[in-house]
Amino acid sequence: MPSERQEQEQRDKAPPQTEDIQPDAEITEQGEEIKEDLEQLLDEIDEILEEDSEAFVENYIQRGGQ
């Protein structure tokens, strides 16, 4: 039979009870907008690198990049 201490340790290790949390529609919308902006930025970087990656690397090195 487990001791009182062992029972307390098991309760402490148990995951806390959580309620179902519904996402806030406004925050979800803001997150989607940020995601779209980030994807556009990454697409723009991709286009620049595809066009002239050598010039990009040279400019990066001249500005002190390693």
N, C-alpha and C. Protein backbone atom coordinates (compact mmCIF):
# COMPACT_ATOMS: atom_id res chain seq x y z
N MET A 1 0.84 -1.17 0.00
CA MET A 1 0.00 0.00 0.00
C MET A 1 0.89 1.24 0.00
N PRO A 2 0.64 2.19 -0.95
CA PRO A 2 1.52 3.35 -1.03
C PRO A 2 1.36 4.26 0.19
N SER A 3 2.47 4.83 0.57
CA SER A 3 2.43 5.75 1.70
C SER A 3 1.83 7.09 1.27
N GLU A 4 1.53 7.91 2.26
CA GLU A 4 0.95 9.23 1.98
C GLU A 4 1.90 10.06 1.11
N ARG A 5 3.16 9.94 1.38
CA ARG A 5 4.17 10.69 0.63
C ARG A 5 4.18 10.25 -0.84
N GLN A 6 4.13 8.94 -1.09
CA GLN A 6 4.12 8.43 -2.46
C GLN A 6 2.87 8.89 -3.20
N GLU A 7 1.73 8.89 -2.51
CA GLU A 7 0.50 9.36 -3.14
C GLU A 7 0.61 10.83 -3.51
N GLN A 8 1.20 11.63 -2.62
CA GLN A 8 1.38 13.07 -2.89
C GLN A 8 2.31 13.26 -4.08
N GLU A 9 3.38 12.49 -4.16
CA GLU A 9 4.31 12.60 -5.28
C GLU A 9 3.61 12.25 -6.60
N GLN A 10 2.75 11.25 -6.59
CA GLN A 10 2.03 10.88 -7.80
C GLN A 10 1.07 11.99 -8.22
N ARG A 11 0.41 12.62 -7.26
CA ARG A 11 -0.49 13.73 -7.58
C ARG A 11 0.29 14.91 -8.15
N ASP A 12 1.49 15.16 -7.59
CA ASP A 12 2.32 16.26 -8.07
C ASP A 12 2.79 16.02 -9.50
N LYS A 13 3.03 14.75 -9.85
CA LYS A 13 3.51 14.42 -11.19
C LYS A 13 2.39 14.39 -12.23
N ALA A 14 1.16 14.29 -11.80
CA ALA A 14 0.03 14.20 -12.72
C ALA A 14 -0.12 15.53 -13.46
N PRO A 15 -0.47 15.47 -14.74
CA PRO A 15 -0.65 16.72 -15.49
C PRO A 15 -1.82 17.51 -14.92
N PRO A 16 -1.71 18.83 -14.92
CA PRO A 16 -2.79 19.63 -14.37
C PRO A 16 -4.06 19.50 -15.22
N GLN A 17 -5.19 19.62 -14.57
CA GLN A 17 -6.46 19.56 -15.28
C GLN A 17 -6.60 20.85 -16.08
N THR A 18 -6.94 20.71 -17.34
CA THR A 18 -7.09 21.89 -18.18
C THR A 18 -8.49 21.92 -18.77
N GLU A 19 -8.95 23.12 -19.00
CA GLU A 19 -10.24 23.29 -19.64
C GLU A 19 -10.00 23.42 -21.13
N ASP A 20 -11.04 23.13 -21.91
CA ASP A 20 -10.92 23.36 -23.34
C ASP A 20 -10.90 24.86 -23.58
N ILE A 21 -9.83 25.33 -24.18
CA ILE A 21 -9.66 26.75 -24.42
C ILE A 21 -9.94 27.01 -25.89
N GLN A 22 -10.84 27.94 -26.14
CA GLN A 22 -11.19 28.30 -27.51
C GLN A 22 -10.28 29.46 -27.94
N PRO A 23 -9.70 29.37 -29.13
CA PRO A 23 -8.83 30.45 -29.59
C PRO A 23 -9.63 31.73 -29.85
N ASP A 24 -9.00 32.85 -29.58
CA ASP A 24 -9.60 34.15 -29.82
C ASP A 24 -9.56 34.43 -31.32
N ALA A 25 -10.69 34.74 -31.92
CA ALA A 25 -10.78 34.94 -33.37
C ALA A 25 -9.87 36.07 -33.84
N GLU A 26 -9.78 37.14 -33.05
CA GLU A 26 -8.94 38.28 -33.43
C GLU A 26 -7.46 37.89 -33.45
N ILE A 27 -7.04 37.16 -32.45
CA ILE A 27 -5.64 36.72 -32.39
C ILE A 27 -5.34 35.75 -33.51
N THR A 28 -6.28 34.86 -33.80
CA THR A 28 -6.10 33.91 -34.89
C THR A 28 -5.95 34.65 -36.22
N GLU A 29 -6.77 35.67 -36.42
CA GLU A 29 -6.70 36.46 -37.66
C GLU A 29 -5.36 37.18 -37.76
N GLN A 30 -4.90 37.77 -36.66
CA GLN A 30 -3.61 38.45 -36.66
C GLN A 30 -2.48 37.47 -36.97
N GLY A 31 -2.58 36.27 -36.42
CA GLY A 31 -1.57 35.25 -36.69
C GLY A 31 -1.53 34.87 -38.16
N GLU A 32 -2.71 34.75 -38.77
CA GLU A 32 -2.78 34.43 -40.20
C GLU A 32 -2.17 35.56 -41.04
N GLU A 33 -2.43 36.81 -40.66
CA GLU A 33 -1.86 37.96 -41.39
C GLU A 33 -0.34 37.96 -41.28
N ILE A 34 0.17 37.69 -40.10
CA ILE A 34 1.62 37.65 -39.90
C ILE A 34 2.22 36.52 -40.73
N LYS A 35 1.55 35.38 -40.75
CA LYS A 35 2.03 34.23 -41.52
C LYS A 35 2.09 34.58 -43.01
N GLU A 36 1.05 35.24 -43.52
CA GLU A 36 1.03 35.64 -44.94
C GLU A 36 2.16 36.63 -45.24
N ASP A 37 2.36 37.62 -44.34
CA ASP A 37 3.43 38.59 -44.54
C ASP A 37 4.80 37.91 -44.56
N LEU A 38 4.99 36.97 -43.67
CA LEU A 38 6.26 36.24 -43.60
C LEU A 38 6.49 35.43 -44.87
N GLU A 39 5.43 34.78 -45.35
CA GLU A 39 5.56 34.00 -46.59
C GLU A 39 5.89 34.90 -47.77
N GLN A 40 5.29 36.10 -47.84
CA GLN A 40 5.60 37.04 -48.91
C GLN A 40 7.06 37.48 -48.84
N LEU A 41 7.53 37.75 -47.63
CA LEU A 41 8.92 38.16 -47.45
C LEU A 41 9.88 37.05 -47.88
N LEU A 42 9.58 35.82 -47.49
CA LEU A 42 10.43 34.70 -47.89
C LEU A 42 10.41 34.49 -49.40
N ASP A 43 9.25 34.68 -50.03
CA ASP A 43 9.17 34.58 -51.49
C ASP A 43 10.02 35.65 -52.15
N GLU A 44 9.99 36.88 -51.60
CA GLU A 44 10.80 37.97 -52.15
C GLU A 44 12.29 37.66 -52.03
N ILE A 45 12.70 37.13 -50.90
CA ILE A 45 14.10 36.75 -50.70
C ILE A 45 14.48 35.66 -51.69
N ASP A 46 13.61 34.70 -51.88
CA ASP A 46 13.84 33.61 -52.84
C ASP A 46 14.05 34.16 -54.25
N GLU A 47 13.19 35.11 -54.66
CA GLU A 47 13.31 35.70 -55.99
C GLU A 47 14.65 36.41 -56.16
N ILE A 48 15.05 37.17 -55.14
CA ILE A 48 16.33 37.90 -55.21
C ILE A 48 17.48 36.92 -55.35
N LEU A 49 17.45 35.86 -54.56
CA LEU A 49 18.53 34.88 -54.62
C LEU A 49 18.56 34.14 -55.96
N GLU A 50 17.39 33.88 -56.54
CA GLU A 50 17.34 33.21 -57.83
C GLU A 50 17.88 34.11 -58.94
N GLU A 51 17.60 35.41 -58.85
CA GLU A 51 18.03 36.34 -59.89
C GLU A 51 19.54 36.52 -59.90
N ASP A 52 20.11 36.82 -58.75
CA ASP A 52 21.53 37.13 -58.73
C ASP A 52 22.15 36.79 -57.37
N SER A 53 22.29 35.52 -57.12
CA SER A 53 22.80 35.09 -55.83
C SER A 53 24.26 35.49 -55.62
N GLU A 54 25.04 35.53 -56.68
CA GLU A 54 26.45 35.90 -56.55
C GLU A 54 26.59 37.34 -56.07
N ALA A 55 25.82 38.26 -56.64
CA ALA A 55 25.87 39.66 -56.22
C ALA A 55 25.39 39.79 -54.77
N PHE A 56 24.37 39.02 -54.41
CA PHE A 56 23.87 39.05 -53.03
C PHE A 56 24.97 38.65 -52.06
N VAL A 57 25.69 37.58 -52.37
CA VAL A 57 26.75 37.10 -51.48
C VAL A 57 27.88 38.12 -51.41
N GLU A 58 28.24 38.71 -52.54
CA GLU A 58 29.31 39.72 -52.55
C GLU A 58 28.92 40.92 -51.69
N ASN A 59 27.69 41.39 -51.81
CA ASN A 59 27.23 42.52 -51.00
C ASN A 59 27.21 42.16 -49.52
N TYR A 60 26.83 40.96 -49.21
CA TYR A 60 26.79 40.52 -47.82
C TYR A 60 28.19 40.51 -47.24
N ILE A 61 29.14 40.00 -47.97
CA ILE A 61 30.51 39.92 -47.48
C ILE A 61 31.11 41.32 -47.33
N GLN A 62 30.82 42.24 -48.27
CA GLN A 62 31.35 43.59 -48.20
C GLN A 62 30.83 44.36 -46.98
N ARG A 63 29.66 44.00 -46.50
CA ARG A 63 29.07 44.69 -45.36
C ARG A 63 29.54 44.09 -44.03
N GLY A 64 30.45 43.18 -44.08
CA GLY A 64 31.01 42.63 -42.84
C GLY A 64 30.41 41.31 -42.41
N GLY A 65 29.61 40.71 -43.25
CA GLY A 65 29.05 39.40 -42.89
C GLY A 65 30.12 38.33 -42.96
N GLN A 66 29.91 37.30 -42.23
CA GLN A 66 30.89 36.22 -42.22
C GLN A 66 30.38 35.03 -42.98
